[in-house]
Every structure is written in structure tokens, then in C-alpha cells.
Amino acid sequence: MVSEKDFCCSLINFVNTYLNGQVGTAIILVGRIVNDGTNGISTLEASDGTEVKIQKAESTVYSTAYQEVVGHVHQDKQGCIFVQEFIARDFGDTFNVENYDKAITLLNGPFRHIYFGGPKP
């Protein structure tokens, strides 16, 4: 059985709800790149429609619309949340965010024990 300790990061979907509570931690976030900024800052639209600023790693080139971003959550001096990317993976141009969202909701919700063991909530 897979343990939560096997994951280095939290899988996040409802960004508007959860991201503020993740400052200082590593996360995995999947979404559509809506603005691939030339200044090293891109914007990713998460499955809940929330836009998240991504500080890209130097070598990153997004070659598809949907990306999985593994990174560290930070808060700047103005209180804005952003993700400092460690690595990004192409998820294609037709990735089904709705199905992914449902899977992550199950993984993080009341059926968590099915994936990670432990007692039922």
C-alpha cells in the first residue's frame, strides 16, 4: 500500500481554498497555462478556475497547454501567493482537468484511507 510519506508534495486542486494554507510547502499543481510570461513568471489556471503565478525554473519551456508543476509555495511582501517551480511536465493540449479534479478530490477527501491506508474518517 502507498503511504502519504511516499509523496514529497501535496496534490492540490481547489487552489482558491487550499493554496494559502500551503505556504512554505511543496505541492503538485496541474492546470492550463494562460500566460507564459517572458519575464520568468507564468500564469496557470487551476481546475477551480483560480489563476496562480508560477515562477518558472530557468530551463523550463512549456510546450503544451496543460502542465503539471511541482514547486514550493511562497507569499511575497504584498501577500500574493506564487509557486516557485522545481519542475514542470507536459500534460498535452487536451488534458481533461475535470476528471483530474474529481480524482484529486477523492484522494484528498473522505476516501483518503483507500489510497493511503489508516482508519476510515
PDB file of N, CA and C in Angstrom:
ATOM      1  N   MET A   1       0.842  -1.177   0.000  1.00  0.00           N
ATOM      2  CA  MET A   1       0.000   0.000   0.000  1.00  0.00           C
ATOM      3  C   MET A   1       0.893   1.249   0.000  1.00  0.00           C
ATOM      4  N   VAL A   2       0.454   2.262  -0.706  1.00  0.00           N
ATOM      5  CA  VAL A   2       1.178   3.526  -0.775  1.00  0.00           C
ATOM      6  C   VAL A   2       0.949   4.304   0.512  1.00  0.00           C
ATOM      7  N   SER A   3       1.995   4.918   1.008  1.00  0.00           N
ATOM      8  CA  SER A   3       1.904   5.752   2.202  1.00  0.00           C
ATOM      9  C   SER A   3       1.969   7.210   1.807  1.00  0.00           C
ATOM     10  N   GLU A   4       1.337   8.080   2.594  1.00  0.00           N
ATOM     11  CA  GLU A   4       1.438   9.517   2.339  1.00  0.00           C
ATOM     12  C   GLU A   4       2.881   9.971   2.369  1.00  0.00           C
ATOM     13  N   LYS A   5       3.702   9.295   3.136  1.00  0.00           N
ATOM     14  CA  LYS A   5       5.107   9.659   3.237  1.00  0.00           C
ATOM     15  C   LYS A   5       5.854   9.381   1.940  1.00  0.00           C
ATOM     16  N   ASP A   6       5.268   8.571   1.043  1.00  0.00           N
ATOM     17  CA  ASP A   6       5.888   8.304  -0.249  1.00  0.00           C
ATOM     18  C   ASP A   6       5.800   9.505  -1.181  1.00  0.00           C
ATOM     19  N   PHE A   7       4.912  10.438  -0.875  1.00  0.00           N
ATOM     20  CA  PHE A   7       4.751  11.636  -1.692  1.00  0.00           C
ATOM     21  C   PHE A   7       5.563  12.764  -1.082  1.00  0.00           C
ATOM     22  N   CYS A   8       6.317  13.459  -1.933  1.00  0.00           N
ATOM     23  CA  CYS A   8       7.101  14.587  -1.432  1.00  0.00           C
ATOM     24  C   CYS A   8       6.250  15.838  -1.341  1.00  0.00           C
ATOM     25  N   CYS A   9       5.098  15.814  -1.979  1.00  0.00           N
ATOM     26  CA  CYS A   9       4.295  17.025  -2.133  1.00  0.00           C
ATOM     27  C   CYS A   9       2.818  16.703  -1.961  1.00  0.00           C
ATOM     28  N   SER A  10       2.054  17.733  -1.656  1.00  0.00           N
ATOM     29  CA  SER A  10       0.600  17.603  -1.633  1.00  0.00           C
ATOM     30  C   SER A  10       0.069  17.809  -3.041  1.00  0.00           C
ATOM     31  N   LEU A  11      -0.906  16.981  -3.438  1.00  0.00           N
ATOM     32  CA  LEU A  11      -1.596  17.179  -4.707  1.00  0.00           C
ATOM     33  C   LEU A  11      -2.738  18.155  -4.458  1.00  0.00           C
ATOM     34  N   ILE A  12      -2.726  19.265  -5.164  1.00  0.00           N
ATOM     35  CA  ILE A  12      -3.677  20.346  -4.905  1.00  0.00           C
ATOM     36  C   ILE A  12      -4.628  20.488  -6.086  1.00  0.00           C
ATOM     37  N   ASN A  13      -5.928  20.682  -5.806  1.00  0.00           N
ATOM     38  CA  ASN A  13      -6.847  21.028  -6.873  1.00  0.00           C
ATOM     39  C   ASN A  13      -7.590  22.316  -6.557  1.00  0.00           C
ATOM     40  N   PHE A  14      -8.332  22.412  -5.490  1.00  0.00           N
ATOM     41  CA  PHE A  14      -9.092  23.625  -5.205  1.00  0.00           C
ATOM     42  C   PHE A  14      -8.159  24.706  -4.669  1.00  0.00           C
ATOM     43  N   VAL A  15      -7.484  25.353  -5.588  1.00  0.00           N
ATOM     44  CA  VAL A  15      -6.430  26.316  -5.246  1.00  0.00           C
ATOM     45  C   VAL A  15      -6.968  27.450  -4.393  1.00  0.00           C
ATOM     46  N   ASN A  16      -8.132  27.968  -4.752  1.00  0.00           N
ATOM     47  CA  ASN A  16      -8.697  29.103  -4.020  1.00  0.00           C
ATOM     48  C   ASN A  16      -8.925  28.757  -2.554  1.00  0.00           C
ATOM     49  N   THR A  17      -9.204  27.496  -2.274  1.00  0.00           N
ATOM     50  CA  THR A  17      -9.462  27.042  -0.914  1.00  0.00           C
ATOM     51  C   THR A  17      -8.190  26.653  -0.169  1.00  0.00           C
ATOM     52  N   TYR A  18      -7.265  25.960  -0.846  1.00  0.00           N
ATOM     53  CA  TYR A  18      -6.158  25.313  -0.154  1.00  0.00           C
ATOM     54  C   TYR A  18      -4.798  25.994  -0.259  1.00  0.00           C
ATOM     55  N   LEU A  19      -4.533  26.761  -1.305  1.00  0.00           N
ATOM     56  CA  LEU A  19      -3.165  27.212  -1.560  1.00  0.00           C
ATOM     57  C   LEU A  19      -2.608  28.104  -0.456  1.00  0.00           C
ATOM     58  N   ASN A  20      -3.420  28.990   0.109  1.00  0.00           N
ATOM     59  CA  ASN A  20      -2.923  29.858   1.183  1.00  0.00           C
ATOM     60  C   ASN A  20      -2.402  29.047   2.368  1.00  0.00           C
ATOM     61  N   GLY A  21      -3.003  27.914   2.636  1.00  0.00           N
ATOM     62  CA  GLY A  21      -2.573  27.072   3.745  1.00  0.00           C
ATOM     63  C   GLY A  21      -1.337  26.241   3.437  1.00  0.00           C
ATOM     64  N   GLN A  22      -0.843  26.341   2.215  1.00  0.00           N
ATOM     65  CA  GLN A  22       0.309  25.548   1.801  1.00  0.00           C
ATOM     66  C   GLN A  22       1.600  26.362   1.728  1.00  0.00           C
ATOM     67  N   VAL A  23       1.579  27.629   2.146  1.00  0.00           N
ATOM     68  CA  VAL A  23       2.787  28.461   2.091  1.00  0.00           C
ATOM     69  C   VAL A  23       3.898  27.774   2.877  1.00  0.00           C
ATOM     70  N   GLY A  24       5.062  27.668   2.239  1.00  0.00           N
ATOM     71  CA  GLY A  24       6.201  27.022   2.874  1.00  0.00           C
ATOM     72  C   GLY A  24       6.318  25.535   2.583  1.00  0.00           C
ATOM     73  N   THR A  25       5.388  24.995   1.801  1.00  0.00           N
ATOM     74  CA  THR A  25       5.430  23.567   1.496  1.00  0.00           C
ATOM     75  C   THR A  25       5.563  23.344  -0.005  1.00  0.00           C
ATOM     76  N   ALA A  26       5.887  22.120  -0.369  1.00  0.00           N
ATOM     77  CA  ALA A  26       5.954  21.723  -1.772  1.00  0.00           C
ATOM     78  C   ALA A  26       4.603  21.160  -2.189  1.00  0.00           C
ATOM     79  N   ILE A  27       4.202  21.463  -3.426  1.00  0.00           N
ATOM     80  CA  ILE A  27       2.917  20.989  -3.942  1.00  0.00           C
ATOM     81  C   ILE A  27       3.080  20.487  -5.364  1.00  0.00           C
ATOM     82  N   ILE A  28       2.067  19.787  -5.825  1.00  0.00           N
ATOM     83  CA  ILE A  28       1.931  19.417  -7.224  1.00  0.00           C
ATOM     84  C   ILE A  28       0.618  20.028  -7.689  1.00  0.00           C
ATOM     85  N   LEU A  29       0.682  20.781  -8.777  1.00  0.00           N
ATOM     86  CA  LEU A  29      -0.474  21.511  -9.290  1.00  0.00           C
ATOM     87  C   LEU A  29      -0.575  21.266 -10.786  1.00  0.00           C
ATOM     88  N   VAL A  30      -1.771  20.941 -11.263  1.00  0.00           N
ATOM     89  CA  VAL A  30      -1.997  20.726 -12.688  1.00  0.00           C
ATOM     90  C   VAL A  30      -2.993  21.761 -13.180  1.00  0.00           C
ATOM     91  N   GLY A  31      -2.709  22.319 -14.344  1.00  0.00           N
ATOM     92  CA  GLY A  31      -3.623  23.289 -14.922  1.00  0.00           C
ATOM     93  C   GLY A  31      -3.184  23.725 -16.299  1.00  0.00           C
ATOM     94  N   ARG A  32      -3.912  24.713 -16.818  1.00  0.00           N
ATOM     95  CA  ARG A  32      -3.668  25.235 -18.168  1.00  0.00           C
ATOM     96  C   ARG A  32      -2.860  26.525 -18.077  1.00  0.00           C
ATOM     97  N   ILE A  33      -1.814  26.618 -18.861  1.00  0.00           N
ATOM     98  CA  ILE A  33      -1.017  27.834 -18.905  1.00  0.00           C
ATOM     99  C   ILE A  33      -1.800  28.870 -19.701  1.00  0.00           C
ATOM    100  N   VAL A  34      -2.187  29.961 -19.050  1.00  0.00           N
ATOM    101  CA  VAL A  34      -2.954  31.004 -19.731  1.00  0.00           C
ATOM    102  C   VAL A  34      -2.081  32.190 -20.115  1.00  0.00           C
ATOM    103  N   ASN A  35      -0.894  32.289 -19.509  1.00  0.00           N
ATOM    104  CA  ASN A  35       0.038  33.361 -19.857  1.00  0.00           C
ATOM    105  C   ASN A  35       1.447  32.858 -19.573  1.00  0.00           C
ATOM    106  N   ASP A  36       2.201  32.630 -20.625  1.00  0.00           N
ATOM    107  CA  ASP A  36       3.582  32.171 -20.473  1.00  0.00           C
ATOM    108  C   ASP A  36       4.492  33.388 -20.594  1.00  0.00           C
ATOM    109  N   GLY A  37       4.644  34.090 -19.487  1.00  0.00           N
ATOM    110  CA  GLY A  37       5.387  35.346 -19.469  1.00  0.00           C
ATOM    111  C   GLY A  37       6.844  35.193 -19.837  1.00  0.00           C
ATOM    112  N   THR A  38       7.362  36.202 -20.481  1.00  0.00           N
ATOM    113  CA  THR A  38       8.758  36.187 -20.903  1.00  0.00           C
ATOM    114  C   THR A  38       9.694  36.593 -19.771  1.00  0.00           C
ATOM    115  N   ASN A  39       9.156  37.092 -18.683  1.00  0.00           N
ATOM    116  CA  ASN A  39       9.967  37.533 -17.542  1.00  0.00           C
ATOM    117  C   ASN A  39      10.194  36.438 -16.507  1.00  0.00           C
ATOM    118  N   GLY A  40       9.896  35.190 -16.876  1.00  0.00           N
ATOM    119  CA  GLY A  40      10.079  34.074 -15.951  1.00  0.00           C
ATOM    120  C   GLY A  40       8.880  33.802 -15.070  1.00  0.00           C
ATOM    121  N   ILE A  41       7.821  34.599 -15.211  1.00  0.00           N
ATOM    122  CA  ILE A  41       6.582  34.401 -14.447  1.00  0.00           C
ATOM    123  C   ILE A  41       5.469  34.029 -15.416  1.00  0.00           C
ATOM    124  N   SER A  42       4.851  32.883 -15.180  1.00  0.00           N
ATOM    125  CA  SER A  42       3.728  32.439 -15.997  1.00  0.00           C
ATOM    126  C   SER A  42       2.487  32.362 -15.120  1.00  0.00           C
ATOM    127  N   THR A  43       1.342  32.244 -15.763  1.00  0.00           N
ATOM    128  CA  THR A  43       0.076  32.114 -15.051  1.00  0.00           C
ATOM    129  C   THR A  43      -0.571  30.800 -15.443  1.00  0.00           C
ATOM    130  N   LEU A  44      -0.932  30.021 -14.426  1.00  0.00           N
ATOM    131  CA  LEU A  44      -1.575  28.727 -14.616  1.00  0.00           C
ATOM    132  C   LEU A  44      -2.995  28.820 -14.076  1.00  0.00           C
ATOM    133  N   GLU A  45      -3.960  28.364 -14.863  1.00  0.00           N
ATOM    134  CA  GLU A  45      -5.351  28.293 -14.404  1.00  0.00           C
ATOM    135  C   GLU A  45      -5.590  26.899 -13.848  1.00  0.00           C
ATOM    136  N   ALA A  46      -5.875  26.823 -12.560  1.00  0.00           N
ATOM    137  CA  ALA A  46      -6.101  25.548 -11.888  1.00  0.00           C
ATOM    138  C   ALA A  46      -7.497  25.019 -12.190  1.00  0.00           C
ATOM    139  N   SER A  47      -7.779  23.812 -11.722  1.00  0.00           N
ATOM    140  CA  SER A  47      -9.049  23.154 -12.026  1.00  0.00           C
ATOM    141  C   SER A  47     -10.261  23.896 -11.470  1.00  0.00           C
ATOM    142  N   ASP A  48     -10.069  24.746 -10.451  1.00  0.00           N
ATOM    143  CA  ASP A  48     -11.193  25.510  -9.909  1.00  0.00           C
ATOM    144  C   ASP A  48     -11.316  26.883 -10.561  1.00  0.00           C
ATOM    145  N   GLY A  49     -10.496  27.156 -11.592  1.00  0.00           N
ATOM    146  CA  GLY A  49     -10.557  28.431 -12.299  1.00  0.00           C
ATOM    147  C   GLY A  49      -9.663  29.504 -11.708  1.00  0.00           C
ATOM    148  N   THR A  50      -9.041  29.230 -10.566  1.00  0.00           N
ATOM    149  CA  THR A  50      -8.146  30.188  -9.927  1.00  0.00           C
ATOM    150  C   THR A  50      -6.850  30.290 -10.723  1.00  0.00           C
ATOM    151  N   GLU A  51      -6.382  31.513 -10.925  1.00  0.00           N
ATOM    152  CA  GLU A  51      -5.105  31.712 -11.603  1.00  0.00           C
ATOM    153  C   GLU A  51      -3.989  31.810 -10.578  1.00  0.00           C
ATOM    154  N   VAL A  52      -2.902  31.094 -10.841  1.00  0.00           N
ATOM    155  CA  VAL A  52      -1.764  31.022  -9.936  1.00  0.00           C
ATOM    156  C   VAL A  52      -0.523  31.483 -10.683  1.00  0.00           C
ATOM    157  N   LYS A  53       0.239  32.370 -10.078  1.00  0.00           N
ATOM    158  CA  LYS A  53       1.511  32.804 -10.654  1.00  0.00           C
ATOM    159  C   LYS A  53       2.549  31.716 -10.419  1.00  0.00           C
ATOM    160  N   ILE A  54       3.289  31.397 -11.464  1.00  0.00           N
ATOM    161  CA  ILE A  54       4.342  30.385 -11.407  1.00  0.00           C
ATOM    162  C   ILE A  54       5.668  31.059 -11.732  1.00  0.00           C
ATOM    163  N   GLN A  55       6.615  30.999 -10.804  1.00  0.00           N
ATOM    164  CA  GLN A  55       7.968  31.467 -11.079  1.00  0.00           C
ATOM    165  C   GLN A  55       8.708  30.284 -11.686  1.00  0.00           C
ATOM    166  N   LYS A  56       8.899  30.340 -12.999  1.00  0.00           N
ATOM    167  CA  LYS A  56       9.437  29.199 -13.732  1.00  0.00           C
ATOM    168  C   LYS A  56      10.903  28.929 -13.387  1.00  0.00           C
ATOM    169  N   ALA A  57      11.264  27.649 -13.432  1.00  0.00           N
ATOM    170  CA  ALA A  57      12.673  27.281 -13.335  1.00  0.00           C
ATOM    171  C   ALA A  57      13.361  27.788 -14.606  1.00  0.00           C
ATOM    172  N   GLU A  58      14.642  28.082 -14.515  1.00  0.00           N
ATOM    173  CA  GLU A  58      15.364  28.690 -15.645  1.00  0.00           C
ATOM    174  C   GLU A  58      15.246  27.911 -16.944  1.00  0.00           C
ATOM    175  N   SER A  59      15.314  26.612 -16.874  1.00  0.00           N
ATOM    176  CA  SER A  59      15.345  25.799 -18.091  1.00  0.00           C
ATOM    177  C   SER A  59      13.959  25.420 -18.617  1.00  0.00           C
ATOM    178  N   THR A  60      12.896  25.854 -17.975  1.00  0.00           N
ATOM    179  CA  THR A  60      11.552  25.417 -18.347  1.00  0.00           C
ATOM    180  C   THR A  60      11.063  26.069 -19.629  1.00  0.00           C
ATOM    181  N   VAL A  61      10.546  25.219 -20.508  1.00  0.00           N
ATOM    182  CA  VAL A  61       9.843  25.660 -21.706  1.00  0.00           C
ATOM    183  C   VAL A  61       8.550  24.859 -21.751  1.00  0.00           C
ATOM    184  N   TYR A  62       7.424  25.543 -21.669  1.00  0.00           N
ATOM    185  CA  TYR A  62       6.143  24.852 -21.739  1.00  0.00           C
ATOM    186  C   TYR A  62       5.828  24.593 -23.209  1.00  0.00           C
ATOM    187  N   SER A  63       5.722  23.320 -23.582  1.00  0.00           N
ATOM    188  CA  SER A  63       5.453  23.010 -24.983  1.00  0.00           C
ATOM    189  C   SER A  63       4.017  22.539 -25.211  1.00  0.00           C
ATOM    190  N   THR A  64       3.233  22.411 -24.136  1.00  0.00           N
ATOM    191  CA  THR A  64       1.810  22.091 -24.279  1.00  0.00           C
ATOM    192  C   THR A  64       1.009  23.014 -23.362  1.00  0.00           C
ATOM    193  N   ALA A  65      -0.284  23.079 -23.601  1.00  0.00           N
ATOM    194  CA  ALA A  65      -1.151  23.985 -22.841  1.00  0.00           C
ATOM    195  C   ALA A  65      -1.308  23.577 -21.386  1.00  0.00           C
ATOM    196  N   TYR A  66      -1.381  22.270 -21.127  1.00  0.00           N
ATOM    197  CA  TYR A  66      -1.589  21.783 -19.766  1.00  0.00           C
ATOM    198  C   TYR A  66      -0.266  21.303 -19.187  1.00  0.00           C
ATOM    199  N   GLN A  67      -0.032  21.681 -17.926  1.00  0.00           N
ATOM    200  CA  GLN A  67       1.224  21.376 -17.265  1.00  0.00           C
ATOM    201  C   GLN A  67       0.982  20.846 -15.859  1.00  0.00           C
ATOM    202  N   GLU A  68       1.864  19.954 -15.441  1.00  0.00           N
ATOM    203  CA  GLU A  68       1.949  19.583 -14.038  1.00  0.00           C
ATOM    204  C   GLU A  68       3.161  20.335 -13.488  1.00  0.00           C
ATOM    205  N   VAL A  69       2.942  21.144 -12.477  1.00  0.00           N
ATOM    206  CA  VAL A  69       4.016  21.927 -11.875  1.00  0.00           C
ATOM    207  C   VAL A  69       4.274  21.409 -10.468  1.00  0.00           C
ATOM    208  N   VAL A  70       5.520  21.054 -10.219  1.00  0.00           N
ATOM    209  CA  VAL A  70       5.951  20.672  -8.880  1.00  0.00           C
ATOM    210  C   VAL A  70       6.769  21.848  -8.371  1.00  0.00           C
ATOM    211  N   GLY A  71       6.377  22.391  -7.223  1.00  0.00           N
ATOM    212  CA  GLY A  71       7.080  23.564  -6.736  1.00  0.00           C
ATOM    213  C   GLY A  71       6.808  23.867  -5.280  1.00  0.00           C
ATOM    214  N   HIS A  72       7.352  24.977  -4.850  1.00  0.00           N
ATOM    215  CA  HIS A  72       7.279  25.422  -3.464  1.00  0.00           C
ATOM    216  C   HIS A  72       6.392  26.662  -3.404  1.00  0.00           C
ATOM    217  N   VAL A  73       5.447  26.683  -2.470  1.00  0.00           N
ATOM    218  CA  VAL A  73       4.509  27.803  -2.341  1.00  0.00           C
ATOM    219  C   VAL A  73       5.148  28.910  -1.498  1.00  0.00           C
ATOM    220  N   HIS A  74       5.104  30.118  -2.045  1.00  0.00           N
ATOM    221  CA  HIS A  74       5.644  31.299  -1.364  1.00  0.00           C
ATOM    222  C   HIS A  74       4.588  32.390  -1.295  1.00  0.00           C
ATOM    223  N   GLN A  75       4.823  33.339  -0.417  1.00  0.00           N
ATOM    224  CA  GLN A  75       3.989  34.537  -0.327  1.00  0.00           C
ATOM    225  C   GLN A  75       4.931  35.736  -0.414  1.00  0.00           C
ATOM    226  N   ASP A  76       4.653  36.662  -1.361  1.00  0.00           N
ATOM    227  CA  ASP A  76       5.525  37.826  -1.500  1.00  0.00           C
ATOM    228  C   ASP A  76       5.177  38.901  -0.466  1.00  0.00           C
ATOM    229  N   LYS A  77       5.901  40.000  -0.483  1.00  0.00           N
ATOM    230  CA  LYS A  77       5.719  41.061   0.521  1.00  0.00           C
ATOM    231  C   LYS A  77       4.353  41.721   0.455  1.00  0.00           C
ATOM    232  N   GLN A  78       3.710  41.634  -0.698  1.00  0.00           N
ATOM    233  CA  GLN A  78       2.355  42.195  -0.842  1.00  0.00           C
ATOM    234  C   GLN A  78       1.272  41.187  -0.446  1.00  0.00           C
ATOM    235  N   GLY A  79       1.687  39.985  -0.056  1.00  0.00           N
ATOM    236  CA  GLY A  79       0.731  38.967   0.366  1.00  0.00           C
ATOM    237  C   GLY A  79       0.240  38.067  -0.756  1.00  0.00           C
ATOM    238  N   CYS A  80       0.776  38.250  -1.960  1.00  0.00           N
ATOM    239  CA  CYS A  80       0.360  37.427  -3.094  1.00  0.00           C
ATOM    240  C   CYS A  80       1.058  36.063  -3.039  1.00  0.00           C
ATOM    241  N   ILE A  81       0.302  35.030  -3.326  1.00  0.00           N
ATOM    242  CA  ILE A  81       0.809  33.670  -3.316  1.00  0.00           C
ATOM    243  C   ILE A  81       1.349  33.330  -4.711  1.00  0.00           C
ATOM    244  N   PHE A  82       2.500  32.674  -4.761  1.00  0.00           N
ATOM    245  CA  PHE A  82       3.028  32.182  -6.031  1.00  0.00           C
ATOM    246  C   PHE A  82       3.738  30.863  -5.783  1.00  0.00           C
ATOM    247  N   VAL A  83       3.981  30.131  -6.859  1.00  0.00           N
ATOM    248  CA  VAL A  83       4.667  28.844  -6.777  1.00  0.00           C
ATOM    249  C   VAL A  83       6.009  28.969  -7.486  1.00  0.00           C
ATOM    250  N   GLN A  84       7.072  28.650  -6.767  1.00  0.00           N
ATOM    251  CA  GLN A  84       8.406  28.591  -7.359  1.00  0.00           C
ATOM    252  C   GLN A  84       8.577  27.183  -7.907  1.00  0.00           C
ATOM    253  N   GLU A  85       8.618  27.082  -9.214  1.00  0.00           N
ATOM    254  CA  GLU A  85       8.652  25.783  -9.880  1.00  0.00           C
ATOM    255  C   GLU A  85       9.989  25.076  -9.699  1.00  0.00           C
ATOM    256  N   PHE A  86       9.911  23.785  -9.354  1.00  0.00           N
ATOM    257  CA  PHE A  86      11.094  22.919  -9.366  1.00  0.00           C
ATOM    258  C   PHE A  86      11.205  22.253 -10.729  1.00  0.00           C
ATOM    259  N   ILE A  87      10.047  21.734 -11.189  1.00  0.00           N
ATOM    260  CA  ILE A  87       9.988  21.004 -12.457  1.00  0.00           C
ATOM    261  C   ILE A  87       8.569  21.103 -12.997  1.00  0.00           C
ATOM    262  N   ALA A  88       8.460  21.056 -14.317  1.00  0.00           N
ATOM    263  CA  ALA A  88       7.147  21.033 -14.969  1.00  0.00           C
ATOM    264  C   ALA A  88       7.134  19.889 -15.971  1.00  0.00           C
ATOM    265  N   ARG A  89       5.959  19.288 -16.127  1.00  0.00           N
ATOM    266  CA  ARG A  89       5.790  18.186 -17.071  1.00  0.00           C
ATOM    267  C   ARG A  89       4.636  18.514 -18.008  1.00  0.00           C
ATOM    268  N   ASP A  90       4.852  18.262 -19.292  1.00  0.00           N
ATOM    269  CA  ASP A  90       3.794  18.474 -20.276  1.00  0.00           C
ATOM    270  C   ASP A  90       2.672  17.467 -20.064  1.00  0.00           C
ATOM    271  N   PHE A  91       1.425  17.959 -20.043  1.00  0.00           N
ATOM    272  CA  PHE A  91       0.252  17.099 -19.928  1.00  0.00           C
ATOM    273  C   PHE A  91      -0.605  17.164 -21.187  1.00  0.00           C
ATOM    274  N   GLY A  92      -0.077  17.722 -22.262  1.00  0.00           N
ATOM    275  CA  GLY A  92      -0.791  17.759 -23.534  1.00  0.00           C
ATOM    276  C   GLY A  92      -1.641  19.003 -23.707  1.00  0.00           C
ATOM    277  N   ASP A  93      -2.310  19.046 -24.849  1.00  0.00           N
ATOM    278  CA  ASP A  93      -3.162  20.197 -25.169  1.00  0.00           C
ATOM    279  C   ASP A  93      -4.638  19.915 -24.946  1.00  0.00           C
ATOM    280  N   THR A  94      -4.993  18.666 -24.620  1.00  0.00           N
ATOM    281  CA  THR A  94      -6.400  18.306 -24.435  1.00  0.00           C
ATOM    282  C   THR A  94      -6.631  17.579 -23.123  1.00  0.00           C
ATOM    283  N   PHE A  95      -5.838  17.859 -22.113  1.00  0.00           N
ATOM    284  CA  PHE A  95      -5.956  17.206 -20.810  1.00  0.00           C
ATOM    285  C   PHE A  95      -7.316  17.512 -20.184  1.00  0.00           C
ATOM    286  N   ASN A  96      -7.957  16.487 -19.609  1.00  0.00           N
ATOM    287  CA  ASN A  96      -9.280  16.662 -19.009  1.00  0.00           C
ATOM    288  C   ASN A  96      -9.126  17.069 -17.535  1.00  0.00           C
ATOM    289  N   VAL A  97      -9.175  18.360 -17.291  1.00  0.00           N
ATOM    290  CA  VAL A  97      -8.980  18.899 -15.942  1.00  0.00           C
ATOM    291  C   VAL A  97     -10.121  18.481 -15.015  1.00  0.00           C
ATOM    292  N   GLU A  98     -11.322  18.346 -15.554  1.00  0.00           N
ATOM    293  CA  GLU A  98     -12.462  17.973 -14.718  1.00  0.00           C
ATOM    294  C   GLU A  98     -12.282  16.569 -14.126  1.00  0.00           C
ATOM    295  N   ASN A  99     -11.826  15.616 -14.939  1.00  0.00           N
ATOM    296  CA  ASN A  99     -11.585  14.258 -14.428  1.00  0.00           C
ATOM    297  C   ASN A  99     -10.446  14.253 -13.410  1.00  0.00           C
ATOM    298  N   TYR A 100      -9.393  15.007 -13.689  1.00  0.00           N
ATOM    299  CA  TYR A 100      -8.280  15.112 -12.752  1.00  0.00           C
ATOM    300  C   TYR A 100      -8.771  15.680 -11.426  1.00  0.00           C
ATOM    301  N   ASP A 101      -9.595  16.705 -11.498  1.00  0.00           N
ATOM    302  CA  ASP A 101     -10.138  17.345 -10.306  1.00  0.00           C
ATOM    303  C   ASP A 101     -10.923  16.348  -9.463  1.00  0.00           C
ATOM    304  N   LYS A 102     -11.728  15.528 -10.112  1.00  0.00           N
ATOM    305  CA  LYS A 102     -12.505  14.511  -9.386  1.00  0.00           C
ATOM    306  C   LYS A 102     -11.581  13.502  -8.703  1.00  0.00           C
ATOM    307  N   ALA A 103     -10.526  13.089  -9.391  1.00  0.00           N
ATOM    308  CA  ALA A 103      -9.588  12.128  -8.806  1.00  0.00           C
ATOM    309  C   ALA A 103      -8.873  12.715  -7.589  1.00  0.00           C
ATOM    310  N   ILE A 104      -8.436  13.951  -7.685  1.00  0.00           N
ATOM    311  CA  ILE A 104      -7.731  14.588  -6.571  1.00  0.00           C
ATOM    312  C   ILE A 104      -8.683  14.825  -5.405  1.00  0.00           C
ATOM    313  N   THR A 105      -9.933  15.146  -5.698  1.00  0.00           N
ATOM    314  CA  THR A 105     -10.921  15.327  -4.646  1.00  0.00           C
ATOM    315  C   THR A 105     -11.099  14.021  -3.868  1.00  0.00           C
ATOM    316  N   LEU A 106     -11.161  12.891  -4.568  1.00  0.00           N
ATOM    317  CA  LEU A 106     -11.252  11.594  -3.889  1.00  0.00           C
ATOM    318  C   LEU A 106     -10.001  11.313  -3.076  1.00  0.00           C
ATOM    319  N   LEU A 107      -8.851  11.601  -3.645  1.00  0.00           N
ATOM    320  CA  LEU A 107      -7.579  11.342  -2.978  1.00  0.00           C
ATOM    321  C   LEU A 107      -7.428  12.143  -1.689  1.00  0.00           C
ATOM    322  N   ASN A 108      -7.930  13.370  -1.692  1.00  0.00           N
ATOM    323  CA  ASN A 108      -7.796  14.244  -0.523  1.00  0.00           C
ATOM    324  C   ASN A 108      -9.028  14.266   0.370  1.00  0.00           C
ATOM    325  N   GLY A 109     -10.070  13.550  -0.012  1.00  0.00           N
ATOM    326  CA  GLY A 109     -11.335  13.641   0.707  1.00  0.00           C
ATOM    327  C   GLY A 109     -11.626  12.472   1.624  1.00  0.00           C
ATOM    328  N   PRO A 110     -12.901  12.163   1.776  1.00  0.00           N
ATOM    329  CA  PRO A 110     -13.320  11.155   2.750  1.00  0.00           C
ATOM    330  C   PRO A 110     -12.874   9.731   2.401  1.00  0.00           C
ATOM    331  N   PHE A 111     -12.404   9.501   1.184  1.00  0.00           N
ATOM    332  CA  PHE A 111     -11.941   8.172   0.797  1.00  0.00           C
ATOM    333  C   PHE A 111     -10.418   8.065   0.838  1.00  0.00           C
ATOM    334  N   ARG A 112      -9.791   9.001   1.510  1.00  0.00           N
ATOM    335  CA  ARG A 112      -8.327   9.057   1.622  1.00  0.00           C
ATOM    336  C   ARG A 112      -7.739   7.734   2.129  1.00  0.00           C
ATOM    337  N   HIS A 113      -8.448   7.097   3.049  1.00  0.00           N
ATOM    338  CA  HIS A 113      -7.963   5.838   3.641  1.00  0.00           C
ATOM    339  C   HIS A 113      -7.811   4.731   2.595  1.00  0.00           C
ATOM    340  N   ILE A 114      -8.561   4.781   1.515  1.00  0.00           N
ATOM    341  CA  ILE A 114      -8.461   3.765   0.461  1.00  0.00           C
ATOM    342  C   ILE A 114      -7.086   3.851  -0.211  1.00  0.00           C
ATOM    343  N   TYR A 115      -6.595   5.065  -0.395  1.00  0.00           N
ATOM    344  CA  TYR A 115      -5.322   5.273  -1.083  1.00  0.00           C
ATOM    345  C   TYR A 115      -4.124   5.170  -0.159  1.00  0.00           C
ATOM    346  N   PHE A 116      -4.274   5.628   1.076  1.00  0.00           N
ATOM    347  CA  PHE A 116      -3.141   5.728   1.977  1.00  0.00           C
ATOM    348  C   PHE A 116      -3.253   4.835   3.205  1.00  0.00           C
ATOM    349  N   GLY A 117      -4.311   4.062   3.320  1.00  0.00           N
ATOM    350  CA  GLY A 117      -4.480   3.211   4.490  1.00  0.00           C
ATOM    351  C   GLY A 117      -4.960   3.999   5.700  1.00  0.00           C
ATOM    352  N   GLY A 118      -4.984   3.373   6.797  1.00  0.00           N
ATOM    353  CA  GLY A 118      -5.411   4.019   8.022  1.00  0.00           C
ATOM    354  C   GLY A 118      -6.904   3.879   8.231  1.00  0.00           C
ATOM    355  N   PRO A 119      -7.382   4.412   9.337  1.00  0.00           N
ATOM    356  CA  PRO A 119      -8.796   4.269   9.675  1.00  0.00           C
ATOM    357  C   PRO A 119      -9.691   5.123   8.796  1.00  0.00           C
ATOM    358  N   LYS A 120     -10.917   4.678   8.654  1.00  0.00           N
ATOM    359  CA  LYS A 120     -11.911   5.475   7.944  1.00  0.00           C
ATOM    360  C   LYS A 120     -12.205   6.708   8.791  1.00  0.00           C
ATOM    361  N   PRO A 121     -12.489   7.841   8.106  1.00  0.00           N
ATOM    362  CA  PRO A 121     -12.797   9.059   8.881  1.00  0.00           C
ATOM    363  C   PRO A 121     -14.094   8.954   9.636  1.00  0.00           C
TER     364      PRO A 121
END
